[in-house]
């Protein structure tokens, strides 16, 4: 599996068990209740099971709940993932290839559905508090679907601000996402969440 695949699984694709004070879970619910649109820069690090040679990338993410999102990797290579609420398009310009999946099949139980999906997160995830670490309050979300591609997702908040996500996939890879310049409820053009394959591009999938 190459360094790009954990992201595709995640967009197509987000330590105190049983704690009485559900601080981070409450913050996630408040975040979902008050956030319709979001724009943020991200830095992503993917570490394989053996822990060697981490792969790093960066770019911009946006979403328009429910179900629409845009994940644009700028460095070190360009890649774009766009979900329009019906389908998800993954564009790899280096390969001149677009992979298309139905959103209903790709989103359920993934980190994308955790942030950009409906508010009924307890339908797809089991949530628990994960304590404080690195100055953030964490919650842990375990997908209920066996075929989600992920074992668990952790979400970190600083105050009420979304700052980080950690994703452990079924192959033992860990993807860490750090968010900066987070804008809550910005005006976003609807065209950002539509994708038309460029000319001379192979389209694979639905």
Protein backbone atom coordinates (compact mmCIF):
# COMPACT_ATOMS: atom_id res chain seq x y z
CA UNK A 1 0.00 0.00 0.00
CA UNK A 2 1.50 3.38 -0.98
CA UNK A 3 1.37 6.58 1.04
CA UNK A 4 -1.70 7.89 -0.80
CA UNK A 5 -4.01 4.98 -0.06
CA UNK A 6 -4.75 5.70 3.64
CA UNK A 7 -6.20 9.06 2.58
CA UNK A 8 -8.35 7.49 -0.12
CA UNK A 9 -9.70 4.96 2.37
CA UNK A 10 -10.34 7.67 4.89
CA UNK A 11 -12.30 10.13 2.34
CA UNK A 12 -14.13 7.38 0.44
CA UNK A 13 -13.61 7.94 1.52
CA UNK A 14 -12.26 10.57 11.18
CA UNK A 15 -7.42 6.28 27.22
CA UNK A 16 -10.24 6.95 29.56
CA UNK A 17 -12.76 4.32 28.68
CA UNK A 18 -16.07 4.81 30.50
CA UNK A 19 -15.08 8.22 31.87
CA UNK A 20 -17.96 10.03 33.54
CA UNK A 21 -17.04 13.42 32.02
CA UNK A 22 -17.34 13.09 28.25
CA UNK A 23 -15.47 16.31 27.46
CA UNK A 24 -14.09 15.52 24.01
CA UNK A 25 -17.24 13.69 22.92
CA UNK A 26 -19.29 16.72 23.92
CA UNK A 27 -16.92 18.94 21.92
CA UNK A 28 -17.35 16.75 18.85
CA UNK A 29 -21.13 16.88 19.17
CA UNK A 30 -21.04 20.66 19.59
CA UNK A 31 -18.73 20.89 16.58
CA UNK A 32 -21.18 18.89 14.46
CA UNK A 33 -24.18 20.86 15.73
CA UNK A 34 -22.66 24.27 14.91
CA UNK A 35 -20.48 23.62 11.85
CA UNK A 36 -22.02 23.61 8.39
CA UNK A 37 -18.89 24.41 6.38
CA UNK A 38 -15.18 24.28 7.20
CA UNK A 39 -11.87 25.13 5.57
CA UNK A 40 -8.47 24.21 7.03
CA UNK A 41 -4.87 23.59 6.05
CA UNK A 42 -3.55 20.16 6.98
CA UNK A 43 -0.24 18.40 7.44
CA UNK A 44 -0.43 14.62 7.06
CA UNK A 45 2.07 11.99 8.20
CA UNK A 46 1.67 8.29 7.37
CA UNK A 47 3.73 5.79 9.38
CA UNK A 48 3.87 2.13 8.39
CA UNK A 49 3.66 -0.72 10.90
CA UNK A 50 7.47 -0.95 11.07
CA UNK A 51 7.67 2.76 11.95
CA UNK A 52 10.27 3.57 9.32
CA UNK A 53 10.30 6.18 6.55
CA UNK A 54 7.17 8.19 7.37
CA UNK A 55 5.49 9.77 4.36
CA UNK A 56 4.48 13.43 4.67
CA UNK A 57 2.11 15.58 2.66
CA UNK A 58 0.17 18.81 3.05
CA UNK A 59 -2.73 20.66 1.53
CA UNK A 60 -6.19 22.08 2.11
CA UNK A 61 -9.43 20.42 3.19
CA UNK A 62 -12.98 21.74 2.99
CA UNK A 63 -16.39 20.29 3.72
CA UNK A 64 -20.01 21.27 3.43
CA UNK A 65 -22.15 19.07 5.60
CA UNK A 66 -23.78 16.74 5.05
CA UNK A 67 -21.70 14.69 2.67
CA UNK A 68 -19.77 17.21 0.56
CA UNK A 69 -16.02 17.58 0.96
CA UNK A 70 -12.83 18.51 -0.89
CA UNK A 71 -9.41 17.18 0.08
CA UNK A 72 -6.56 18.67 -1.93
CA UNK A 73 -2.97 17.48 -1.49
CA UNK A 74 -0.47 20.02 -2.80
CA UNK A 75 2.86 18.58 -1.62
CA UNK A 76 4.85 16.49 -2.37
CA UNK A 77 2.52 15.32 -5.17
CA UNK A 78 -0.81 16.61 -6.33
CA UNK A 79 -3.98 14.64 -5.59
CA UNK A 80 -7.61 15.71 -5.24
CA UNK A 81 -10.55 13.97 -3.57
CA UNK A 82 -14.00 15.49 -4.09
CA UNK A 83 -17.28 14.26 -2.64
CA UNK A 84 -20.45 15.86 -4.04
CA UNK A 85 -22.89 14.01 -1.77
CA UNK A 86 -23.62 11.35 -4.39
CA UNK A 87 -20.22 10.15 -5.54
CA UNK A 88 -16.57 10.51 -4.56
CA UNK A 89 -13.94 11.28 -7.21
CA UNK A 90 -10.24 10.67 -6.55
CA UNK A 91 -8.08 12.42 -9.13
CA UNK A 92 -4.42 11.50 -9.57
CA UNK A 93 -3.07 13.89 -12.23
CA UNK A 94 0.30 12.12 -12.43
CA UNK A 95 -1.44 8.93 -13.52
CA UNK A 96 -4.11 10.80 -15.50
CA UNK A 97 -6.65 8.73 -13.63
CA UNK A 98 -9.89 9.33 -11.73
CA UNK A 99 -11.44 6.72 -9.46
CA UNK A 100 -15.16 7.18 -8.80
CA UNK A 101 -17.11 5.52 -5.97
CA UNK A 102 -20.68 5.87 -4.75
CA UNK A 103 -20.73 8.03 -1.64
CA UNK A 104 -23.18 5.73 0.16
CA UNK A 105 -20.74 2.84 -0.15
CA UNK A 106 -17.56 4.83 0.52
CA UNK A 107 -18.49 7.10 3.42
CA UNK A 108 -20.20 4.98 6.06
CA UNK A 109 -17.93 4.30 9.00
CA UNK A 110 -14.97 6.31 7.65
CA UNK A 111 -13.26 9.41 9.10
CA UNK A 112 -14.88 11.48 6.35
CA UNK A 113 -18.34 10.52 7.60
CA UNK A 114 -17.27 11.36 11.15
CA UNK A 115 -16.72 15.03 10.24
CA UNK A 116 -18.65 15.63 7.03
CA UNK A 117 -21.56 13.22 7.44
CA UNK A 118 -24.85 13.41 9.27
CA UNK A 119 -25.03 14.22 13.00
CA UNK A 120 -26.03 10.67 13.94
CA UNK A 121 -22.42 9.56 14.48
CA UNK A 122 -23.38 6.94 17.05
CA UNK A 123 -25.04 5.00 14.23
CA UNK A 124 -21.65 4.32 12.57
CA UNK A 125 -19.19 4.69 15.47
CA UNK A 126 -18.69 3.66 19.07
CA UNK A 127 -17.26 6.69 20.91
CA UNK A 128 -15.18 6.89 24.07
CA UNK A 129 -13.00 9.44 25.81
CA UNK A 130 -9.24 9.11 25.14
CA UNK A 131 -7.84 11.56 27.68
CA UNK A 132 -5.40 14.47 27.25
CA UNK A 133 -2.20 14.35 25.23
CA UNK A 134 -0.01 16.99 23.55
CA UNK A 135 -2.21 19.72 24.98
CA UNK A 136 -5.35 18.35 23.32
CA UNK A 137 -8.46 16.54 24.54
CA UNK A 138 -9.02 13.34 22.57
CA UNK A 139 -11.89 11.04 21.77
CA UNK A 140 -11.67 7.67 20.09
CA UNK A 141 -14.15 6.49 17.47
CA UNK A 142 -14.33 2.82 16.49
CA UNK A 143 -16.33 2.07 13.32
CA UNK A 144 -19.13 -0.42 13.77
CA UNK A 145 -18.84 -1.69 10.20
CA UNK A 146 -16.28 -4.46 9.78
CA UNK A 147 -15.34 -3.32 6.26
CA UNK A 148 -14.59 0.35 7.01
CA UNK A 149 -10.84 -0.06 6.40
CA UNK A 150 -10.00 1.45 9.81
CA UNK A 151 -9.63 0.02 13.27
CA UNK A 152 -10.09 3.36 15.04
CA UNK A 153 -9.97 7.13 14.65
CA UNK A 154 -8.91 9.63 17.31
CA UNK A 155 -9.97 13.28 17.20
CA UNK A 156 -8.20 16.01 19.18
CA UNK A 157 -9.63 19.36 20.29
CA UNK A 158 -7.97 22.45 21.77
CA UNK A 159 -10.84 24.11 23.58
CA UNK A 160 -13.65 23.82 21.04
CA UNK A 161 -11.30 23.92 18.04
CA UNK A 162 -10.61 20.87 15.90
CA UNK A 163 -6.83 20.43 15.78
CA UNK A 164 -5.90 16.83 14.97
CA UNK A 165 -6.97 13.38 13.83
CA UNK A 166 -5.18 10.04 14.08
CA UNK A 167 -6.26 7.08 11.97
CA UNK A 168 -5.15 3.48 12.49
CA UNK A 169 -5.98 1.34 9.47
CA UNK A 170 -6.38 -2.41 9.19
CA UNK A 171 -2.81 -2.83 7.86
CA UNK A 172 -1.25 -1.24 10.93
CA UNK A 173 -0.50 2.11 9.30
CA UNK A 174 -1.08 5.25 11.36
CA UNK A 175 -2.07 8.50 9.64
CA UNK A 176 -1.76 11.72 11.66
CA UNK A 177 -3.47 14.91 10.51
CA UNK A 178 -2.71 18.29 12.08
CA UNK A 179 -5.06 21.15 11.19
CA UNK A 180 -4.21 24.85 11.10
CA UNK A 181 -5.89 28.08 9.91
CA UNK A 182 -9.25 26.47 10.65
CA UNK A 183 -12.23 28.53 9.43
CA UNK A 184 -15.67 27.60 10.73
CA UNK A 185 -18.69 28.26 8.50
CA UNK A 186 -16.87 30.18 5.74
CA UNK A 187 -18.64 30.91 2.47
CA UNK A 188 -17.62 28.19 0.02
CA UNK A 189 -18.52 28.08 -3.66
CA UNK A 190 -20.70 25.06 -4.57
CA UNK A 191 -18.40 24.44 -7.56
CA UNK A 192 -15.64 23.38 -5.14
CA UNK A 193 -17.62 20.20 -4.44
CA UNK A 194 -18.16 19.21 -8.06
CA UNK A 195 -15.58 17.43 -10.17
CA UNK A 196 -15.35 16.98 -13.94
CA UNK A 197 -12.54 14.73 -15.18
CA UNK A 198 -10.02 16.57 -17.37
CA UNK A 199 -9.67 15.52 -21.02
CA UNK A 200 -7.56 12.41 -21.70
CA UNK A 201 -8.14 11.07 -18.19
CA UNK A 202 -9.05 7.45 -17.47
CA UNK A 203 -12.15 7.06 -15.30
CA UNK A 204 -12.38 3.92 -13.16
CA UNK A 205 -15.29 2.76 -11.04
CA UNK A 206 -18.95 3.71 -10.76
